[in-house]
């Protein structure tokens, strides 16, 4: 095993941890946002600012989806990096 093996494993693990935390926090925020919006709608408050369901879904996907995808990409990059043999 070469000297790059432990370093690659460390940075792979670090990327997995950062990606997992980013995905978990962004996912929790997206769930909170969705729950709050659906709660308001169920109380008859409407979608707000004359926007419809499509606008709300696109906003949720942009705000929550991008960090979730980035976190997943970091996680799987770290997993790939740890799995490689030097």
C-alpha atoms as a PDB file:
ATOM      1  CA  UNK A   1       0.000   0.000   0.000  1.00  0.00           C
ATOM      2  CA  UNK A   2       1.386   3.391  -0.953  1.00  0.00           C
ATOM      3  CA  UNK A   3       1.469   6.538   1.154  1.00  0.00           C
ATOM      4  CA  UNK A   4      -1.542   7.957  -0.712  1.00  0.00           C
ATOM      5  CA  UNK A   5      -3.831   5.208   0.647  1.00  0.00           C
ATOM      6  CA  UNK A   6      -4.391   6.575   4.180  1.00  0.00           C
ATOM      7  CA  UNK A   7      -4.633  10.167   2.930  1.00  0.00           C
ATOM      8  CA  UNK A   8      -7.133   9.180   0.278  1.00  0.00           C
ATOM      9  CA  UNK A   9      -9.116   7.241   2.877  1.00  0.00           C
ATOM     10  CA  UNK A  10      -9.111  10.191   5.284  1.00  0.00           C
ATOM     11  CA  UNK A  11     -10.289  12.707   2.702  1.00  0.00           C
ATOM     12  CA  UNK A  12     -12.829  10.241   1.372  1.00  0.00           C
ATOM     13  CA  UNK A  13     -14.232   9.814   4.879  1.00  0.00           C
ATOM     14  CA  UNK A  14     -14.196  13.574   5.409  1.00  0.00           C
ATOM     15  CA  UNK A  15     -16.161  14.107   2.199  1.00  0.00           C
ATOM     16  CA  UNK A  16     -18.642  11.441   3.267  1.00  0.00           C
ATOM     17  CA  UNK A  17     -19.202  13.134   6.632  1.00  0.00           C
ATOM     18  CA  UNK A  18     -19.579  16.625   5.148  1.00  0.00           C
ATOM     19  CA  UNK A  19     -21.889  15.339   2.409  1.00  0.00           C
ATOM     20  CA  UNK A  20     -24.009  13.415   4.904  1.00  0.00           C
ATOM     21  CA  UNK A  21     -24.370  16.422   7.209  1.00  0.00           C
ATOM     22  CA  UNK A  22     -25.219  18.735   4.300  1.00  0.00           C
ATOM     23  CA  UNK A  23     -27.825  16.302   2.973  1.00  0.00           C
ATOM     24  CA  UNK A  24     -29.382  15.762   6.402  1.00  0.00           C
ATOM     25  CA  UNK A  25     -29.620  19.467   7.241  1.00  0.00           C
ATOM     26  CA  UNK A  26     -30.936  20.477   3.827  1.00  0.00           C
ATOM     27  CA  UNK A  27     -33.419  17.607   3.897  1.00  0.00           C
ATOM     28  CA  UNK A  28     -34.658  18.567   7.351  1.00  0.00           C
ATOM     29  CA  UNK A  29     -35.039  22.189   6.268  1.00  0.00           C
ATOM     30  CA  UNK A  30     -36.955  21.131   3.149  1.00  0.00           C
ATOM     31  CA  UNK A  31     -39.284  18.936   5.210  1.00  0.00           C
ATOM     32  CA  UNK A  32     -39.864  21.807   7.662  1.00  0.00           C
ATOM     33  CA  UNK A  33     -40.559  24.231   4.792  1.00  0.00           C
ATOM     34  CA  UNK A  34     -42.966  21.775   3.156  1.00  0.00           C
ATOM     35  CA  UNK A  35     -44.766  21.011   6.407  1.00  0.00           C
ATOM     36  CA  UNK A  36     -45.208  24.702   7.201  1.00  0.00           C
ATOM     37  CA  UNK A  37     -46.493  25.555   3.753  1.00  0.00           C
ATOM     38  CA  UNK A  38     -48.955  22.672   3.680  1.00  0.00           C
ATOM     39  CA  UNK A  39     -50.093  23.619   7.174  1.00  0.00           C
ATOM     40  CA  UNK A  40     -50.799  27.187   6.037  1.00  0.00           C
ATOM     41  CA  UNK A  41     -52.666  25.973   2.984  1.00  0.00           C
ATOM     42  CA  UNK A  42     -54.780  23.613   5.058  1.00  0.00           C
ATOM     43  CA  UNK A  43     -55.796  26.570   7.253  1.00  0.00           C
ATOM     44  CA  UNK A  44     -56.973  28.460   4.177  1.00  0.00           C
ATOM     45  CA  UNK A  45     -54.139  30.992   4.016  1.00  0.00           C
ATOM     46  CA  UNK A  46     -53.491  30.270   0.336  1.00  0.00           C
ATOM     47  CA  UNK A  47     -50.165  29.977  -1.412  1.00  0.00           C
ATOM     48  CA  UNK A  48     -49.146  33.577  -0.790  1.00  0.00           C
ATOM     49  CA  UNK A  49     -48.214  36.290  -3.272  1.00  0.00           C
ATOM     50  CA  UNK A  50     -50.628  34.860  -5.859  1.00  0.00           C
ATOM     51  CA  UNK A  51     -48.387  31.912  -6.641  1.00  0.00           C
ATOM     52  CA  UNK A  52     -49.625  28.440  -7.383  1.00  0.00           C
ATOM     53  CA  UNK A  53     -48.557  24.945  -6.480  1.00  0.00           C
ATOM     54  CA  UNK A  54     -46.122  24.754  -9.393  1.00  0.00           C
ATOM     55  CA  UNK A  55     -44.272  27.881  -8.264  1.00  0.00           C
ATOM     56  CA  UNK A  56     -44.092  26.547  -4.732  1.00  0.00           C
ATOM     57  CA  UNK A  57     -42.742  23.173  -5.872  1.00  0.00           C
ATOM     58  CA  UNK A  58     -40.109  24.814  -8.091  1.00  0.00           C
ATOM     59  CA  UNK A  59     -39.024  27.088  -5.250  1.00  0.00           C
ATOM     60  CA  UNK A  60     -38.749  24.135  -2.883  1.00  0.00           C
ATOM     61  CA  UNK A  61     -36.762  22.149  -5.452  1.00  0.00           C
ATOM     62  CA  UNK A  62     -34.326  25.019  -6.031  1.00  0.00           C
ATOM     63  CA  UNK A  63     -33.833  25.964  -2.401  1.00  0.00           C
ATOM     64  CA  UNK A  64     -33.776  22.465  -0.915  1.00  0.00           C
ATOM     65  CA  UNK A  65     -32.954  20.256  -3.875  1.00  0.00           C
ATOM     66  CA  UNK A  66     -29.659  21.819  -4.897  1.00  0.00           C
ATOM     67  CA  UNK A  67     -27.952  21.444  -1.480  1.00  0.00           C
ATOM     68  CA  UNK A  68     -29.344  17.920  -1.135  1.00  0.00           C
ATOM     69  CA  UNK A  69     -27.899  16.944  -4.528  1.00  0.00           C
ATOM     70  CA  UNK A  70     -24.584  18.601  -3.664  1.00  0.00           C
ATOM     71  CA  UNK A  71     -24.430  16.727  -0.356  1.00  0.00           C
ATOM     72  CA  UNK A  72     -25.204  13.425  -2.067  1.00  0.00           C
ATOM     73  CA  UNK A  73     -22.552  14.120  -4.689  1.00  0.00           C
ATOM     74  CA  UNK A  74     -19.954  14.805  -1.965  1.00  0.00           C
ATOM     75  CA  UNK A  75     -20.969  11.667  -0.092  1.00  0.00           C
ATOM     76  CA  UNK A  76     -20.673   9.402  -3.130  1.00  0.00           C
ATOM     77  CA  UNK A  77     -17.428  11.079  -4.227  1.00  0.00           C
ATOM     78  CA  UNK A  78     -15.988  10.337  -0.787  1.00  0.00           C
ATOM     79  CA  UNK A  79     -17.256   6.779  -0.951  1.00  0.00           C
ATOM     80  CA  UNK A  80     -15.659   6.319  -4.365  1.00  0.00           C
ATOM     81  CA  UNK A  81     -12.416   7.866  -3.133  1.00  0.00           C
ATOM     82  CA  UNK A  82     -12.256   5.535  -0.113  1.00  0.00           C
ATOM     83  CA  UNK A  83     -12.962   2.492  -2.255  1.00  0.00           C
ATOM     84  CA  UNK A  84     -10.115   3.141  -4.698  1.00  0.00           C
ATOM     85  CA  UNK A  85      -6.907   1.234  -4.191  1.00  0.00           C
ATOM     86  CA  UNK A  86      -3.677   3.187  -4.434  1.00  0.00           C
END
